[in-house]
Amino acid sequence: MLKVLRIALAFIVVMIAVYGLVTGNHELTPYMFFFLGLMMIVMGISQFKAKRQADAITCFVVSVFVLFVAVYTLWI
């Protein structure tokens, strides 16, 4: 289930990124960061289940940073 969720989130991120590049409209970038942060959390959980604690911690730290950037850019 985590693999399907990770693929779905990656698809959403790629579609928002392609839309922003093609149209030049970057208003959806914070939402792309939000879904990217969620994807990193899912990746961290899957790495934790695979007994790769160092990779899981890295994914969680990156997800916190990306989610912070997403929330910060939405408030501005």
PDB file of N, CA and C in Angstrom:
ATOM      1  N   MET A   1       0.812  -1.188   0.000  1.00  0.00           N
ATOM      2  CA  MET A   1       0.000   0.000   0.000  1.00  0.00           C
ATOM      3  C   MET A   1       0.863   1.262   0.000  1.00  0.00           C
ATOM      4  N   LEU A   2       1.972   1.217   0.714  1.00  0.00           N
ATOM      5  CA  LEU A   2       2.858   2.379   0.744  1.00  0.00           C
ATOM      6  C   LEU A   2       3.449   2.675  -0.622  1.00  0.00           C
ATOM      7  N   LYS A   3       3.712   1.615  -1.391  1.00  0.00           N
ATOM      8  CA  LYS A   3       4.277   1.808  -2.721  1.00  0.00           C
ATOM      9  C   LYS A   3       3.273   2.501  -3.635  1.00  0.00           C
ATOM     10  N   VAL A   4       2.011   2.098  -3.543  1.00  0.00           N
ATOM     11  CA  VAL A   4       0.969   2.725  -4.361  1.00  0.00           C
ATOM     12  C   VAL A   4       0.794   4.182  -3.958  1.00  0.00           C
ATOM     13  N   LEU A   5       0.800   4.452  -2.658  1.00  0.00           N
ATOM     14  CA  LEU A   5       0.666   5.827  -2.173  1.00  0.00           C
ATOM     15  C   LEU A   5       1.847   6.682  -2.606  1.00  0.00           C
ATOM     16  N   ARG A   6       3.050   6.118  -2.541  1.00  0.00           N
ATOM     17  CA  ARG A   6       4.244   6.855  -2.966  1.00  0.00           C
ATOM     18  C   ARG A   6       4.185   7.178  -4.457  1.00  0.00           C
ATOM     19  N   ILE A   7       3.733   6.225  -5.271  1.00  0.00           N
ATOM     20  CA  ILE A   7       3.632   6.453  -6.712  1.00  0.00           C
ATOM     21  C   ILE A   7       2.565   7.494  -7.016  1.00  0.00           C
ATOM     22  N   ALA A   8       1.445   7.441  -6.311  1.00  0.00           N
ATOM     23  CA  ALA A   8       0.378   8.414  -6.531  1.00  0.00           C
ATOM     24  C   ALA A   8       0.842   9.819  -6.160  1.00  0.00           C
ATOM     25  N   LEU A   9       1.531   9.962  -5.030  1.00  0.00           N
ATOM     26  CA  LEU A   9       2.031  11.270  -4.627  1.00  0.00           C
ATOM     27  C   LEU A   9       3.092  11.777  -5.597  1.00  0.00           C
ATOM     28  N   ALA A  10       3.955  10.883  -6.073  1.00  0.00           N
ATOM     29  CA  ALA A  10       4.969  11.280  -7.052  1.00  0.00           C
ATOM     30  C   ALA A  10       4.313  11.751  -8.347  1.00  0.00           C
ATOM     31  N   PHE A  11       3.238  11.076  -8.756  1.00  0.00           N
ATOM     32  CA  PHE A  11       2.518  11.477  -9.962  1.00  0.00           C
ATOM     33  C   PHE A  11       1.911  12.872  -9.794  1.00  0.00           C
ATOM     34  N   ILE A  12       1.330  13.136  -8.630  1.00  0.00           N
ATOM     35  CA  ILE A  12       0.746  14.454  -8.363  1.00  0.00           C
ATOM     36  C   ILE A  12       1.832  15.530  -8.408  1.00  0.00           C
ATOM     37  N   VAL A  13       2.978  15.257  -7.787  1.00  0.00           N
ATOM     38  CA  VAL A  13       4.084  16.223  -7.768  1.00  0.00           C
ATOM     39  C   VAL A  13       4.574  16.501  -9.183  1.00  0.00           C
ATOM     40  N   VAL A  14       4.741  15.463  -9.966  1.00  0.00           N
ATOM     41  CA  VAL A  14       5.238  15.642 -11.335  1.00  0.00           C
ATOM     42  C   VAL A  14       4.227  16.414 -12.176  1.00  0.00           C
ATOM     43  N   MET A  15       2.944  16.111 -12.022  1.00  0.00           N
ATOM     44  CA  MET A  15       1.933  16.822 -12.807  1.00  0.00           C
ATOM     45  C   MET A  15       1.874  18.313 -12.452  1.00  0.00           C
ATOM     46  N   ILE A  16       1.975  18.639 -11.175  1.00  0.00           N
ATOM     47  CA  ILE A  16       1.979  20.051 -10.785  1.00  0.00           C
ATOM     48  C   ILE A  16       3.245  20.737 -11.302  1.00  0.00           C
ATOM     49  N   ALA A  17       4.381  20.045 -11.249  1.00  0.00           N
ATOM     50  CA  ALA A  17       5.634  20.627 -11.745  1.00  0.00           C
ATOM     51  C   ALA A  17       5.579  20.855 -13.253  1.00  0.00           C
ATOM     52  N   VAL A  18       5.056  19.899 -13.985  1.00  0.00           N
ATOM     53  CA  VAL A  18       4.947  20.048 -15.438  1.00  0.00           C
ATOM     54  C   VAL A  18       3.986  21.181 -15.780  1.00  0.00           C
ATOM     55  N   TYR A  19       2.881  21.271 -15.060  1.00  0.00           N
ATOM     56  CA  TYR A  19       1.925  22.359 -15.290  1.00  0.00           C
ATOM     57  C   TYR A  19       2.597  23.722 -15.064  1.00  0.00           C
ATOM     58  N   GLY A  20       3.365  23.830 -13.995  1.00  0.00           N
ATOM     59  CA  GLY A  20       4.052  25.087 -13.716  1.00  0.00           C
ATOM     60  C   GLY A  20       5.085  25.443 -14.760  1.00  0.00           C
ATOM     61  N   LEU A  21       5.787  24.433 -15.261  1.00  0.00           N
ATOM     62  CA  LEU A  21       6.799  24.698 -16.281  1.00  0.00           C
ATOM     63  C   LEU A  21       6.181  25.066 -17.625  1.00  0.00           C
ATOM     64  N   VAL A  22       5.110  24.392 -17.994  1.00  0.00           N
ATOM     65  CA  VAL A  22       4.507  24.629 -19.300  1.00  0.00           C
ATOM     66  C   VAL A  22       3.778  25.972 -19.336  1.00  0.00           C
ATOM     67  N   THR A  23       3.020  26.280 -18.295  1.00  0.00           N
ATOM     68  CA  THR A  23       2.212  27.497 -18.313  1.00  0.00           C
ATOM     69  C   THR A  23       2.943  28.711 -17.747  1.00  0.00           C
ATOM     70  N   GLY A  24       3.988  28.496 -16.979  1.00  0.00           N
ATOM     71  CA  GLY A  24       4.672  29.613 -16.340  1.00  0.00           C
ATOM     72  C   GLY A  24       3.954  30.100 -15.094  1.00  0.00           C
ATOM     73  N   ASN A  25       2.898  29.417 -14.702  1.00  0.00           N
ATOM     74  CA  ASN A  25       2.116  29.764 -13.519  1.00  0.00           C
ATOM     75  C   ASN A  25       2.694  28.999 -12.318  1.00  0.00           C
ATOM     76  N   HIS A  26       3.270  29.734 -11.382  1.00  0.00           N
ATOM     77  CA  HIS A  26       3.915  29.095 -10.242  1.00  0.00           C
ATOM     78  C   HIS A  26       3.115  29.246  -8.954  1.00  0.00           C
ATOM     79  N   GLU A  27       1.827  29.480  -9.079  1.00  0.00           N
ATOM     80  CA  GLU A  27       0.978  29.619  -7.890  1.00  0.00           C
ATOM     81  C   GLU A  27       0.738  28.281  -7.191  1.00  0.00           C
ATOM     82  N   LEU A  28       0.912  27.189  -7.888  1.00  0.00           N
ATOM     83  CA  LEU A  28       0.681  25.866  -7.302  1.00  0.00           C
ATOM     84  C   LEU A  28       1.940  25.245  -6.691  1.00  0.00           C
ATOM     85  N   THR A  29       3.036  25.961  -6.720  1.00  0.00           N
ATOM     86  CA  THR A  29       4.294  25.426  -6.192  1.00  0.00           C
ATOM     87  C   THR A  29       4.216  25.046  -4.716  1.00  0.00           C
ATOM     88  N   PRO A  30       3.575  25.824  -3.839  1.00  0.00           N
ATOM     89  CA  PRO A  30       3.474  25.377  -2.441  1.00  0.00           C
ATOM     90  C   PRO A  30       2.733  24.045  -2.286  1.00  0.00           C
ATOM     91  N   TYR A  31       1.730  23.822  -3.134  1.00  0.00           N
ATOM     92  CA  TYR A  31       1.011  22.546  -3.079  1.00  0.00           C
ATOM     93  C   TYR A  31       1.898  21.398  -3.554  1.00  0.00           C
ATOM     94  N   MET A  32       2.741  21.684  -4.546  1.00  0.00           N
ATOM     95  CA  MET A  32       3.690  20.679  -4.992  1.00  0.00           C
ATOM     96  C   MET A  32       4.648  20.316  -3.858  1.00  0.00           C
ATOM     97  N   PHE A  33       5.127  21.330  -3.124  1.00  0.00           N
ATOM     98  CA  PHE A  33       6.004  21.069  -1.986  1.00  0.00           C
ATOM     99  C   PHE A  33       5.282  20.272  -0.906  1.00  0.00           C
ATOM    100  N   PHE A  34       4.006  20.578  -0.684  1.00  0.00           N
ATOM    101  CA  PHE A  34       3.231  19.854   0.319  1.00  0.00           C
ATOM    102  C   PHE A  34       3.139  18.367  -0.038  1.00  0.00           C
ATOM    103  N   PHE A  35       2.795  18.062  -1.289  1.00  0.00           N
ATOM    104  CA  PHE A  35       2.708  16.666  -1.704  1.00  0.00           C
ATOM    105  C   PHE A  35       4.080  15.997  -1.723  1.00  0.00           C
ATOM    106  N   LEU A  36       5.128  16.757  -2.023  1.00  0.00           N
ATOM    107  CA  LEU A  36       6.479  16.223  -1.969  1.00  0.00           C
ATOM    108  C   LEU A  36       6.859  15.856  -0.537  1.00  0.00           C
ATOM    109  N   GLY A  37       6.476  16.707   0.420  1.00  0.00           N
ATOM    110  CA  GLY A  37       6.723  16.399   1.824  1.00  0.00           C
ATOM    111  C   GLY A  37       5.984  15.150   2.273  1.00  0.00           C
ATOM    112  N   LEU A  38       4.731  15.012   1.837  1.00  0.00           N
ATOM    113  CA  LEU A  38       3.977  13.793   2.160  1.00  0.00           C
ATOM    114  C   LEU A  38       4.627  12.559   1.545  1.00  0.00           C
ATOM    115  N   MET A  39       5.120  12.712   0.328  1.00  0.00           N
ATOM    116  CA  MET A  39       5.798  11.593  -0.321  1.00  0.00           C
ATOM    117  C   MET A  39       7.061  11.204   0.450  1.00  0.00           C
ATOM    118  N   MET A  40       7.791  12.177   0.949  1.00  0.00           N
ATOM    119  CA  MET A  40       8.992  11.873   1.725  1.00  0.00           C
ATOM    120  C   MET A  40       8.638  11.179   3.039  1.00  0.00           C
ATOM    121  N   ILE A  41       7.511  11.543   3.648  1.00  0.00           N
ATOM    122  CA  ILE A  41       7.075  10.845   4.866  1.00  0.00           C
ATOM    123  C   ILE A  41       6.766   9.390   4.553  1.00  0.00           C
ATOM    124  N   VAL A  42       6.057   9.147   3.449  1.00  0.00           N
ATOM    125  CA  VAL A  42       5.735   7.771   3.058  1.00  0.00           C
ATOM    126  C   VAL A  42       7.013   6.991   2.762  1.00  0.00           C
ATOM    127  N   MET A  43       7.971   7.629   2.108  1.00  0.00           N
ATOM    128  CA  MET A  43       9.243   6.969   1.841  1.00  0.00           C
ATOM    129  C   MET A  43       9.986   6.666   3.138  1.00  0.00           C
ATOM    130  N   GLY A  44       9.921   7.578   4.108  1.00  0.00           N
ATOM    131  CA  GLY A  44      10.555   7.344   5.399  1.00  0.00           C
ATOM    132  C   GLY A  44       9.933   6.176   6.133  1.00  0.00           C
ATOM    133  N   ILE A  45       8.612   6.066   6.072  1.00  0.00           N
ATOM    134  CA  ILE A  45       7.937   4.938   6.712  1.00  0.00           C
ATOM    135  C   ILE A  45       8.331   3.630   6.054  1.00  0.00           C
ATOM    136  N   SER A  46       8.388   3.613   4.722  1.00  0.00           N
ATOM    137  CA  SER A  46       8.779   2.379   4.040  1.00  0.00           C
ATOM    138  C   SER A  46      10.241   2.023   4.320  1.00  0.00           C
ATOM    139  N   GLN A  47      11.115   3.027   4.445  1.00  0.00           N
ATOM    140  CA  GLN A  47      12.512   2.752   4.787  1.00  0.00           C
ATOM    141  C   GLN A  47      12.633   2.243   6.223  1.00  0.00           C
ATOM    142  N   PHE A  48      11.807   2.779   7.103  1.00  0.00           N
ATOM    143  CA  PHE A  48      11.816   2.328   8.486  1.00  0.00           C
ATOM    144  C   PHE A  48      11.351   0.878   8.595  1.00  0.00           C
ATOM    145  N   LYS A  49      10.345   0.518   7.805  1.00  0.00           N
ATOM    146  CA  LYS A  49       9.868  -0.862   7.800  1.00  0.00           C
ATOM    147  C   LYS A  49      10.901  -1.819   7.215  1.00  0.00           C
ATOM    148  N   ALA A  50      11.747  -1.306   6.309  1.00  0.00           N
ATOM    149  CA  ALA A  50      12.798  -2.125   5.694  1.00  0.00           C
ATOM    150  C   ALA A  50      14.060  -2.163   6.549  1.00  0.00           C
ATOM    151  N   LYS A  51      13.976  -1.652   7.773  1.00  0.00           N
ATOM    152  CA  LYS A  51      15.099  -1.658   8.729  1.00  0.00           C
ATOM    153  C   LYS A  51      16.277  -0.819   8.261  1.00  0.00           C
ATOM    154  N   ARG A  52      15.991   0.262   7.570  1.00  0.00           N
ATOM    155  CA  ARG A  52      17.035   1.212   7.163  1.00  0.00           C
ATOM    156  C   ARG A  52      16.800   2.517   7.917  1.00  0.00           C
ATOM    157  N   GLN A  53      17.221   2.538   9.168  1.00  0.00           N
ATOM    158  CA  GLN A  53      16.921   3.665  10.042  1.00  0.00           C
ATOM    159  C   GLN A  53      17.579   4.960   9.582  1.00  0.00           C
ATOM    160  N   ALA A  54      18.799   4.883   9.091  1.00  0.00           N
ATOM    161  CA  ALA A  54      19.494   6.102   8.657  1.00  0.00           C
ATOM    162  C   ALA A  54      18.772   6.746   7.475  1.00  0.00           C
ATOM    163  N   ASP A  55      18.356   5.941   6.519  1.00  0.00           N
ATOM    164  CA  ASP A  55      17.611   6.476   5.380  1.00  0.00           C
ATOM    165  C   ASP A  55      16.250   7.015   5.814  1.00  0.00           C
ATOM    166  N   ALA A  56      15.610   6.341   6.755  1.00  0.00           N
ATOM    167  CA  ALA A  56      14.304   6.778   7.240  1.00  0.00           C
ATOM    168  C   ALA A  56      14.414   8.129   7.944  1.00  0.00           C
ATOM    169  N   ILE A  57      15.427   8.289   8.770  1.00  0.00           N
ATOM    170  CA  ILE A  57      15.614   9.554   9.480  1.00  0.00           C
ATOM    171  C   ILE A  57      15.894  10.674   8.486  1.00  0.00           C
ATOM    172  N   THR A  58      16.692  10.394   7.472  1.00  0.00           N
ATOM    173  CA  THR A  58      16.972  11.386   6.440  1.00  0.00           C
ATOM    174  C   THR A  58      15.688  11.800   5.727  1.00  0.00           C
ATOM    175  N   CYS A  59      14.846  10.833   5.387  1.00  0.00           N
ATOM    176  CA  CYS A  59      13.573  11.144   4.721  1.00  0.00           C
ATOM    177  C   CYS A  59      12.677  11.982   5.626  1.00  0.00           C
ATOM    178  N   PHE A  60      12.640  11.665   6.911  1.00  0.00           N
ATOM    179  CA  PHE A  60      11.804  12.429   7.829  1.00  0.00           C
ATOM    180  C   PHE A  60      12.316  13.864   7.989  1.00  0.00           C
ATOM    181  N   VAL A  61      13.628  14.035   8.071  1.00  0.00           N
ATOM    182  CA  VAL A  61      14.194  15.378   8.205  1.00  0.00           C
ATOM    183  C   VAL A  61      13.903  16.198   6.950  1.00  0.00           C
ATOM    184  N   VAL A  62      14.082  15.591   5.788  1.00  0.00           N
ATOM    185  CA  VAL A  62      13.802  16.294   4.535  1.00  0.00           C
ATOM    186  C   VAL A  62      12.322  16.635   4.441  1.00  0.00           C
ATOM    187  N   SER A  63      11.453  15.719   4.868  1.00  0.00           N
ATOM    188  CA  SER A  63      10.016  15.982   4.795  1.00  0.00           C
ATOM    189  C   SER A  63       9.614  17.133   5.705  1.00  0.00           C
ATOM    190  N   VAL A  64      10.215  17.227   6.885  1.00  0.00           N
ATOM    191  CA  VAL A  64       9.907  18.345   7.782  1.00  0.00           C
ATOM    192  C   VAL A  64      10.323  19.663   7.138  1.00  0.00           C
ATOM    193  N   PHE A  65      11.496  19.688   6.534  1.00  0.00           N
ATOM    194  CA  PHE A  65      11.960  20.906   5.874  1.00  0.00           C
ATOM    195  C   PHE A  65      11.053  21.293   4.708  1.00  0.00           C
ATOM    196  N   VAL A  66      10.698  20.332   3.872  1.00  0.00           N
ATOM    197  CA  VAL A  66       9.863  20.619   2.703  1.00  0.00           C
ATOM    198  C   VAL A  66       8.471  21.066   3.135  1.00  0.00           C
ATOM    199  N   LEU A  67       7.905  20.433   4.156  1.00  0.00           N
ATOM    200  CA  LEU A  67       6.596  20.854   4.646  1.00  0.00           C
ATOM    201  C   LEU A  67       6.657  22.252   5.264  1.00  0.00           C
ATOM    202  N   PHE A  68       7.761  22.559   5.939  1.00  0.00           N
ATOM    203  CA  PHE A  68       7.939  23.910   6.475  1.00  0.00           C
ATOM    204  C   PHE A  68       7.962  24.936   5.348  1.00  0.00           C
ATOM    205  N   VAL A  69       8.686  24.643   4.288  1.00  0.00           N
ATOM    206  CA  VAL A  69       8.748  25.552   3.140  1.00  0.00           C
ATOM    207  C   VAL A  69       7.365  25.703   2.510  1.00  0.00           C
ATOM    208  N   ALA A  70       6.622  24.609   2.393  1.00  0.00           N
ATOM    209  CA  ALA A  70       5.287  24.669   1.798  1.00  0.00           C
ATOM    210  C   ALA A  70       4.354  25.545   2.629  1.00  0.00           C
ATOM    211  N   VAL A  71       4.362  25.355   3.939  1.00  0.00           N
ATOM    212  CA  VAL A  71       3.487  26.150   4.802  1.00  0.00           C
ATOM    213  C   VAL A  71       3.931  27.607   4.818  1.00  0.00           C
ATOM    214  N   TYR A  72       5.225  27.837   4.845  1.00  0.00           N
ATOM    215  CA  TYR A  72       5.746  29.205   4.863  1.00  0.00           C
ATOM    216  C   TYR A  72       5.371  29.953   3.587  1.00  0.00           C
ATOM    217  N   THR A  73       5.475  29.287   2.444  1.00  0.00           N
ATOM    218  CA  THR A  73       5.144  29.963   1.201  1.00  0.00           C
ATOM    219  C   THR A  73       3.649  30.159   1.031  1.00  0.00           C
ATOM    220  N   LEU A  74       2.823  29.329   1.661  1.00  0.00           N
ATOM    221  CA  LEU A  74       1.383  29.531   1.597  1.00  0.00           C
ATOM    222  C   LEU A  74       0.959  30.735   2.432  1.00  0.00           C
ATOM    223  N   TRP A  75       1.661  31.009   3.537  1.00  0.00           N
ATOM    224  CA  TRP A  75       1.291  32.111   4.413  1.00  0.00           C
ATOM    225  C   TRP A  75       1.729  33.461   3.888  1.00  0.00           C
ATOM    226  N   ILE A  76       2.701  33.463   3.009  1.00  0.00           N
ATOM    227  CA  ILE A  76       3.205  34.750   2.490  1.00  0.00           C
ATOM    228  C   ILE A  76       2.380  35.220   1.323  1.00  0.00           C
TER     229      ILE A  76
END
